[in-house]
């Protein structure tokens, strides 16, 4: 296994980390995956209090039993303002320091440990920083826990814009940041994170990348990516090596769902070489060309949100664009079905009020195009 230093933390993490958001429901499947990952040298496990219907931390604790000192554990919980949507529903009040203290206590109990190496604010946005940094608020609680040795490092994950992530990094309160990025640049909600990654590098802040396979799309064979770099036959390998070659990125974390994922990712992390400058330029040229096609219709800026009916407009258009440009029909339809069922955000909820079109900077005929997207993503041929 190869290891990479995470910013100024002094900790060396395996070149690919284990994202524990997609663990199998059956402990008899999940626990052996975690233990096998440790055997293969993977030493960074990222979970959260809400992952897998709140069972992920328990599974991670079971999997790492007897191995605690051989690994780094990262967990997290969110900060919400009154009225915000969050995994538990709608926040009835602002998150307090006491809430964060209770979340940390619960996580430690579920994980079966008296300390975690990293504790992160989950999906943090800049507009919530006054809440985070309030006197006796969430950050003060974590800083106190750090002084007591309960946590080693404080960080955050974010889908915010690069400009806002930079502002959060410049508070000087964080040692790591987890951002969304991948080979296809399937835009996270905040767009291109590269300026934030570069800024973090300058400040000595470790960068972890989530979504390295674009929610699974890069695990699907894509003809247009074949042969980009002839000696790299595996599309998944190309995806990870691309991220590991970006200056400032420490590691990507992969959501592993089966033992085969563990074996393949560990193999890549053990054998990878960073891409040469010419190979990076070649890869960027291909990606830029097709990314432009994906974003030609909708750039995913998110100005159309929130929809009064909960329609996830940017996500729907992204699935449609990826199916159209890259031909990942099965993946796109699976993602759309999950969006409709799991998040109640399908295009079929649209009542054609037109509020989205008033806010769209590209003046897209959203109402009509949602109908087209729904048809494309649901109808059998």
Protein backbone atom coordinates (compact mmCIF):
# COMPACT_ATOMS: atom_id res chain seq x y z
CA UNK A 1 0.00 0.00 0.00
CA UNK A 2 1.17 3.52 -0.74
CA UNK A 3 0.53 6.33 1.74
CA UNK A 4 0.24 10.10 1.44
CA UNK A 5 0.61 12.81 4.08
CA UNK A 6 -2.61 14.70 4.86
CA UNK A 7 -1.65 18.36 4.91
CA UNK A 8 0.08 19.38 8.12
CA UNK A 9 -1.65 16.75 10.28
CA UNK A 10 1.38 14.46 10.35
CA UNK A 11 -0.81 11.52 9.40
CA UNK A 12 -0.10 9.31 6.39
CA UNK A 13 -3.26 7.93 4.79
CA UNK A 14 -3.62 5.06 2.35
CA UNK A 15 -3.80 6.35 -1.22
CA UNK A 16 -7.49 5.39 -1.38
CA UNK A 17 -9.71 5.70 1.66
CA UNK A 18 -12.77 3.63 2.57
CA UNK A 19 -15.99 5.65 2.34
CA UNK A 20 -18.53 3.92 4.59
CA UNK A 21 -21.72 5.45 3.20
CA UNK A 22 -22.65 2.45 1.03
CA UNK A 23 -21.90 -0.52 3.28
CA UNK A 24 -24.12 -3.58 2.87
CA UNK A 25 -26.98 -3.77 5.35
CA UNK A 26 -25.92 -7.24 6.48
CA UNK A 27 -23.13 -7.07 9.07
CA UNK A 28 -21.91 -10.48 7.90
CA UNK A 29 -21.04 -8.79 4.58
CA UNK A 30 -19.95 -5.36 5.81
CA UNK A 31 -17.63 -6.38 8.64
CA UNK A 32 -15.42 -8.75 6.56
CA UNK A 33 -15.05 -5.98 3.94
CA UNK A 34 -13.72 -3.58 6.55
CA UNK A 35 -11.35 -6.13 8.03
CA UNK A 36 -10.07 -7.15 4.60
CA UNK A 37 -9.42 -3.50 3.76
CA UNK A 38 -7.21 -3.19 6.84
CA UNK A 39 -5.36 -6.37 5.87
CA UNK A 40 -4.65 -4.83 2.47
CA UNK A 41 -3.29 -1.63 4.00
CA UNK A 42 -6.26 0.74 3.76
CA UNK A 43 -6.12 2.82 6.92
CA UNK A 44 -8.62 5.69 6.48
CA UNK A 45 -12.28 4.99 7.17
CA UNK A 46 -14.78 7.82 6.77
CA UNK A 47 -18.26 7.47 8.19
CA UNK A 48 -20.98 9.75 9.61
CA UNK A 49 -23.66 9.64 12.24
CA UNK A 50 -26.39 9.45 9.55
CA UNK A 51 -24.79 7.03 7.07
CA UNK A 52 -26.66 3.84 6.15
CA UNK A 53 -29.75 4.77 8.18
CA UNK A 54 -27.41 5.48 11.13
CA UNK A 55 -25.91 1.96 11.21
CA UNK A 56 -22.59 2.73 9.45
CA UNK A 57 -20.68 3.76 12.58
CA UNK A 58 -21.74 0.55 14.33
CA UNK A 59 -20.51 -1.54 11.40
CA UNK A 60 -17.23 0.37 11.25
CA UNK A 61 -16.75 -0.20 14.97
CA UNK A 62 -17.40 -3.92 14.61
CA UNK A 63 -15.12 -4.17 11.60
CA UNK A 64 -12.24 -2.37 13.30
CA UNK A 65 -12.54 -4.15 16.64
CA UNK A 66 -9.05 -5.09 17.76
CA UNK A 67 -7.49 -2.98 14.99
CA UNK A 68 -8.19 0.52 16.33
CA UNK A 69 -4.57 1.57 16.62
CA UNK A 70 -3.81 0.49 13.05
CA UNK A 71 -6.25 2.88 11.37
CA UNK A 72 -7.62 6.40 11.24
CA UNK A 73 -11.33 6.93 11.81
CA UNK A 74 -13.20 9.97 10.56
CA UNK A 75 -16.80 10.71 11.39
CA UNK A 76 -19.03 13.76 11.15
CA UNK A 77 -22.34 15.42 11.85
CA UNK A 78 -24.12 18.36 10.34
CA UNK A 79 -25.01 21.88 11.41
CA UNK A 80 -28.47 23.14 10.52
CA UNK A 81 -30.42 26.35 10.90
CA UNK A 82 -34.07 26.38 11.80
CA UNK A 83 -36.06 25.45 8.68
CA UNK A 84 -33.13 23.76 6.89
CA UNK A 85 -33.63 20.38 5.25
CA UNK A 86 -31.28 17.78 6.69
CA UNK A 87 -31.21 13.94 6.80
CA UNK A 88 -33.64 13.82 9.71
CA UNK A 89 -36.18 16.09 8.02
CA UNK A 90 -36.63 19.82 8.68
CA UNK A 91 -34.61 21.41 11.46
CA UNK A 92 -36.87 22.80 14.17
CA UNK A 93 -34.10 25.01 15.60
CA UNK A 94 -30.49 26.00 15.09
CA UNK A 95 -27.86 23.38 15.91
CA UNK A 96 -26.19 24.14 19.22
CA UNK A 97 -22.89 23.19 20.77
CA UNK A 98 -24.78 20.78 23.00
CA UNK A 99 -26.16 19.04 19.89
CA UNK A 100 -22.64 18.59 18.53
CA UNK A 101 -21.45 17.28 21.90
CA UNK A 102 -24.27 14.73 21.96
CA UNK A 103 -23.57 13.70 18.35
CA UNK A 104 -19.90 13.15 19.15
CA UNK A 105 -20.80 11.12 22.23
CA UNK A 106 -23.21 8.97 20.21
CA UNK A 107 -20.61 8.41 17.47
CA UNK A 108 -17.97 7.29 19.96
CA UNK A 109 -20.44 4.84 21.51
CA UNK A 110 -21.44 3.40 18.14
CA UNK A 111 -17.84 3.14 16.98
CA UNK A 112 -16.80 1.46 20.23
CA UNK A 113 -13.89 3.82 20.76
CA UNK A 114 -12.91 6.62 23.12
CA UNK A 115 -11.47 8.83 20.38
CA UNK A 116 -11.64 9.58 16.66
CA UNK A 117 -8.79 10.84 14.55
CA UNK A 118 -10.89 13.24 12.48
CA UNK A 119 -14.22 14.89 13.20
CA UNK A 120 -15.80 16.86 10.40
CA UNK A 121 -18.72 19.21 9.98
CA UNK A 122 -20.90 17.45 7.44
CA UNK A 123 -21.74 19.30 4.18
CA UNK A 124 -20.81 22.69 5.63
CA UNK A 125 -21.70 25.89 3.79
CA UNK A 126 -20.24 29.33 4.39
CA UNK A 127 -23.55 30.86 5.42
CA UNK A 128 -23.59 28.54 8.45
CA UNK A 129 -20.20 29.66 9.75
CA UNK A 130 -21.66 32.20 12.24
CA UNK A 131 -23.63 29.31 13.75
CA UNK A 132 -20.57 27.05 13.79
CA UNK A 133 -18.32 29.67 15.36
CA UNK A 134 -20.79 31.03 17.93
CA UNK A 135 -19.62 31.20 21.52
CA UNK A 136 -20.04 27.74 23.11
CA UNK A 137 -21.23 26.57 19.69
CA UNK A 138 -20.30 23.48 17.64
CA UNK A 139 -16.71 24.53 16.91
CA UNK A 140 -15.97 25.40 20.54
CA UNK A 141 -17.25 21.96 21.54
CA UNK A 142 -14.94 20.23 19.07
CA UNK A 143 -11.97 22.35 20.12
CA UNK A 144 -12.60 21.38 23.73
CA UNK A 145 -12.84 17.71 22.70
CA UNK A 146 -9.55 18.10 20.86
CA UNK A 147 -7.87 19.53 23.95
CA UNK A 148 -9.08 16.48 25.88
CA UNK A 149 -7.72 14.07 23.25
CA UNK A 150 -11.16 12.85 22.19
CA UNK A 151 -10.51 13.98 18.60
CA UNK A 152 -7.20 14.72 16.91
CA UNK A 153 -8.18 16.95 13.98
CA UNK A 154 -11.14 19.13 12.97
CA UNK A 155 -12.26 19.39 9.35
CA UNK A 156 -15.32 19.72 7.18
CA UNK A 157 -16.90 18.35 4.04
CA UNK A 158 -18.54 20.72 1.60
CA UNK A 159 -20.41 21.05 -1.67
CA UNK A 160 -20.22 24.84 -1.49
CA UNK A 161 -18.55 26.99 -4.15
CA UNK A 162 -14.76 27.10 -4.28
CA UNK A 163 -14.86 30.78 -3.25
CA UNK A 164 -16.87 29.95 -0.12
CA UNK A 165 -14.73 26.93 0.74
CA UNK A 166 -11.68 29.20 0.55
CA UNK A 167 -13.32 31.61 3.01
CA UNK A 168 -13.93 28.74 5.42
CA UNK A 169 -10.34 27.55 5.09
CA UNK A 170 -9.10 31.07 5.77
CA UNK A 171 -10.68 31.04 9.23
CA UNK A 172 -7.67 28.95 10.22
CA UNK A 173 -9.89 26.56 12.20
CA UNK A 174 -9.65 23.49 9.98
CA UNK A 175 -6.92 20.95 9.19
CA UNK A 176 -8.70 19.05 6.43
CA UNK A 177 -11.44 19.52 3.86
CA UNK A 178 -13.38 16.97 1.82
CA UNK A 179 -14.67 18.16 -1.57
CA UNK A 180 -16.51 16.59 -4.50
CA UNK A 181 -14.58 16.00 -7.73
CA UNK A 182 -14.02 13.31 -10.35
CA UNK A 183 -12.67 12.59 -13.80
CA UNK A 184 -15.92 13.46 -15.59
CA UNK A 185 -16.36 16.62 -13.56
CA UNK A 186 -19.93 15.59 -12.87
CA UNK A 187 -20.48 18.81 -11.07
CA UNK A 188 -21.04 18.81 -7.36
CA UNK A 189 -23.53 21.37 -6.18
CA UNK A 190 -20.76 23.93 -5.83
CA UNK A 191 -19.14 23.49 -9.24
CA UNK A 192 -15.39 23.29 -9.86
CA UNK A 193 -13.45 22.74 -6.59
CA UNK A 194 -9.94 23.05 -8.07
CA UNK A 195 -9.30 26.64 -6.86
CA UNK A 196 -10.20 25.52 -3.34
CA UNK A 197 -7.90 22.50 -3.60
CA UNK A 198 -5.03 24.72 -4.72
CA UNK A 199 -5.71 27.16 -1.86
CA UNK A 200 -5.81 24.35 0.70
CA UNK A 201 -2.44 23.12 -0.55
CA UNK A 202 -0.92 26.56 -0.01
CA UNK A 203 -2.24 26.62 3.56
CA UNK A 204 -1.06 23.09 4.37
CA UNK A 205 -4.63 21.84 4.72
CA UNK A 206 -5.24 18.24 3.70
CA UNK A 207 -7.67 17.60 0.84
CA UNK A 208 -9.80 14.48 0.58
CA UNK A 209 -11.98 13.93 -2.50
CA UNK A 210 -15.43 12.36 -2.36
CA UNK A 211 -17.36 11.15 -5.39
CA UNK A 212 -14.25 9.90 -7.25
CA UNK A 213 -16.39 7.64 -9.47
CA UNK A 214 -19.19 10.17 -9.91
CA UNK A 215 -21.71 8.20 -7.90
CA UNK A 216 -20.83 5.04 -9.80
CA UNK A 217 -20.98 6.38 -13.36
CA UNK A 218 -17.23 5.81 -13.80
CA UNK A 219 -17.71 2.21 -12.79
CA UNK A 220 -19.76 1.81 -15.98
CA UNK A 221 -17.80 1.26 -19.21
CA UNK A 222 -17.77 4.48 -21.24
CA UNK A 223 -16.64 4.11 -24.82
CA UNK A 224 -15.45 7.69 -25.12
CA UNK A 225 -12.96 7.18 -22.29
CA UNK A 226 -11.44 4.02 -23.72
CA UNK A 227 -7.82 4.44 -24.80
CA UNK A 228 -7.36 7.96 -23.43
CA UNK A 229 -4.07 6.67 -22.02
CA UNK A 230 -3.42 3.37 -23.84
CA UNK A 231 -1.41 1.72 -21.06
CA UNK A 232 -4.25 2.25 -18.57
CA UNK A 233 -6.89 -0.33 -19.39
CA UNK A 234 -9.10 0.16 -16.34
CA UNK A 235 -11.43 3.15 -16.40
CA UNK A 236 -11.65 3.04 -12.60
CA UNK A 237 -7.86 3.10 -12.35
CA UNK A 238 -7.75 6.13 -14.64
CA UNK A 239 -10.33 7.88 -12.46
CA UNK A 240 -8.30 7.38 -9.28
CA UNK A 241 -4.93 8.13 -10.86
CA UNK A 242 -6.29 11.36 -12.31
CA UNK A 243 -7.33 12.56 -8.84
CA UNK A 244 -4.11 11.40 -7.20
CA UNK A 245 -2.18 13.43 -9.78
CA UNK A 246 -3.86 16.75 -8.90
CA UNK A 247 -1.49 18.85 -6.76
CA UNK A 248 -2.98 19.31 -3.32
CA UNK A 249 -5.18 16.19 -3.31
CA UNK A 250 -4.16 13.73 -0.62
CA UNK A 251 -6.56 10.88 -1.27
CA UNK A 252 -9.93 10.03 -2.80
CA UNK A 253 -12.42 8.07 -0.71
CA UNK A 254 -14.36 5.33 -2.41
CA UNK A 255 -17.79 4.12 -1.32
CA UNK A 256 -17.28 0.37 -1.34
CA UNK A 257 -20.30 -1.91 -1.56
CA UNK A 258 -18.79 -5.36 -2.07
CA UNK A 259 -15.58 -7.27 -1.43
CA UNK A 260 -14.54 -6.91 -5.06
CA UNK A 261 -14.44 -3.12 -4.61
CA UNK A 262 -12.10 -3.51 -1.66
CA UNK A 263 -9.73 -5.78 -3.56
CA UNK A 264 -9.68 -3.63 -6.72
CA UNK A 265 -9.25 -0.33 -4.90
CA UNK A 266 -6.48 -1.67 -2.69
CA UNK A 267 -4.67 -2.98 -5.78
CA UNK A 268 -4.88 0.41 -7.48
CA UNK A 269 -3.73 2.22 -4.33
CA UNK A 270 -0.77 -0.14 -4.01
CA UNK A 271 0.41 0.01 -7.61
CA UNK A 272 -0.57 3.44 -8.96
CA UNK A 273 1.80 6.01 -10.38
CA UNK A 274 0.80 9.63 -10.79
CA UNK A 275 0.11 10.66 -14.37
CA UNK A 276 2.80 12.49 -16.28
CA UNK A 277 2.18 16.10 -17.22
CA UNK A 278 1.55 15.10 -20.83
CA UNK A 279 -0.92 12.38 -19.78
CA UNK A 280 -2.73 14.84 -17.51
CA UNK A 281 -3.01 17.30 -20.39
CA UNK A 282 -4.24 14.56 -22.71
CA UNK A 283 -6.84 13.48 -20.17
CA UNK A 284 -7.98 17.04 -19.52
CA UNK A 285 -8.36 17.64 -23.25
CA UNK A 286 -10.75 14.71 -23.60
CA UNK A 287 -12.66 15.58 -20.45
CA UNK A 288 -12.94 19.25 -21.38
CA UNK A 289 -14.39 18.36 -24.75
CA UNK A 290 -17.11 16.11 -23.38
CA UNK A 291 -17.72 18.16 -20.23
CA UNK A 292 -18.56 21.08 -22.50
CA UNK A 293 -21.18 18.90 -24.20
CA UNK A 294 -22.60 17.81 -20.85
CA UNK A 295 -22.89 21.42 -19.67
CA UNK A 296 -23.97 22.90 -23.00
CA UNK A 297 -27.59 22.61 -21.96
CA UNK A 298 -27.47 23.03 -18.15
CA UNK A 299 -24.36 24.02 -16.20
CA UNK A 300 -25.76 22.81 -12.89
CA UNK A 301 -25.44 26.24 -11.26
CA UNK A 302 -28.40 25.52 -9.00
CA UNK A 303 -29.99 28.97 -9.26
CA UNK A 304 -33.30 27.27 -10.10
CA UNK A 305 -33.39 25.73 -6.63
CA UNK A 306 -35.18 25.26 -4.35
CA UNK A 307 -38.23 24.06 -6.25
CA UNK A 308 -41.50 24.51 -4.30
CA UNK A 309 -42.37 20.90 -5.15
CA UNK A 310 -38.92 19.52 -4.35
CA UNK A 311 -37.94 18.71 -7.96
CA UNK A 312 -34.16 18.22 -8.12
CA UNK A 313 -33.77 20.03 -11.44
CA UNK A 314 -29.94 20.16 -11.78
CA UNK A 315 -29.60 16.47 -10.89
CA UNK A 316 -32.27 15.42 -13.39
CA UNK A 317 -30.66 17.39 -16.19
CA UNK A 318 -27.24 15.99 -15.25
CA UNK A 319 -28.52 12.41 -15.53
CA UNK A 320 -30.09 13.22 -18.88
CA UNK A 321 -26.93 14.89 -20.17
CA UNK A 322 -24.65 12.07 -19.07
CA UNK A 323 -26.90 9.50 -20.70
CA UNK A 324 -26.98 11.54 -23.91
CA UNK A 325 -23.26 12.38 -24.09
CA UNK A 326 -21.62 9.29 -22.56
CA UNK A 327 -24.29 6.68 -23.24
CA UNK A 328 -24.57 5.51 -19.61
CA UNK A 329 -28.26 4.70 -19.93
CA UNK A 330 -28.57 2.06 -17.19
CA UNK A 331 -26.65 4.17 -14.69
CA UNK A 332 -28.62 7.34 -15.48
CA UNK A 333 -31.95 5.54 -15.13
CA UNK A 334 -30.94 3.90 -11.85
CA UNK A 335 -29.88 7.25 -10.45
CA UNK A 336 -33.11 8.89 -11.55
CA UNK A 337 -35.20 6.11 -10.04
CA UNK A 338 -33.31 6.55 -6.77
CA UNK A 339 -33.87 10.31 -6.91
CA UNK A 340 -37.60 9.83 -7.42
CA UNK A 341 -38.07 7.17 -4.75
CA UNK A 342 -35.45 8.03 -2.16
CA UNK A 343 -35.49 11.81 -2.36
CA UNK A 344 -38.95 12.50 -3.81
CA UNK A 345 -37.35 14.78 -6.37
CA UNK A 346 -38.55 13.48 -9.74
CA UNK A 347 -39.64 15.59 -12.69
CA UNK A 348 -43.14 14.13 -12.44
CA UNK A 349 -43.71 16.33 -9.36
CA UNK A 350 -43.46 19.50 -11.45
CA UNK A 351 -46.71 21.55 -11.47
CA UNK A 352 -45.30 23.96 -14.09
CA UNK A 353 -45.42 27.01 -11.83
CA UNK A 354 -42.46 28.51 -13.73
CA UNK A 355 -40.58 29.79 -10.68
CA UNK A 356 -37.43 27.98 -11.82
CA UNK A 357 -37.44 29.60 -15.25
CA UNK A 358 -37.53 33.07 -13.72
CA UNK A 359 -34.26 32.29 -11.91
CA UNK A 360 -32.40 30.40 -14.65
CA UNK A 361 -29.48 32.52 -16.00
CA UNK A 362 -29.45 30.45 -19.21
CA UNK A 363 -33.16 30.99 -19.83
CA UNK A 364 -33.72 27.25 -20.25
CA UNK A 365 -37.31 26.15 -20.92
CA UNK A 366 -37.12 24.05 -17.77
CA UNK A 367 -40.75 22.94 -17.65
CA UNK A 368 -40.69 21.44 -21.13
CA UNK A 369 -37.22 19.98 -20.73
CA UNK A 370 -38.18 18.27 -17.47
CA UNK A 371 -40.87 16.42 -19.40
CA UNK A 372 -38.29 15.34 -21.99
CA UNK A 373 -35.86 14.25 -19.29
CA UNK A 374 -38.49 12.24 -17.44
CA UNK A 375 -39.47 10.47 -20.65
CA UNK A 376 -35.86 9.73 -21.58
CA UNK A 377 -35.01 8.41 -18.12
CA UNK A 378 -38.10 6.25 -17.60
CA UNK A 379 -39.60 4.99 -20.84
CA UNK A 380 -38.54 1.65 -22.23
CA UNK A 381 -37.48 1.57 -25.83
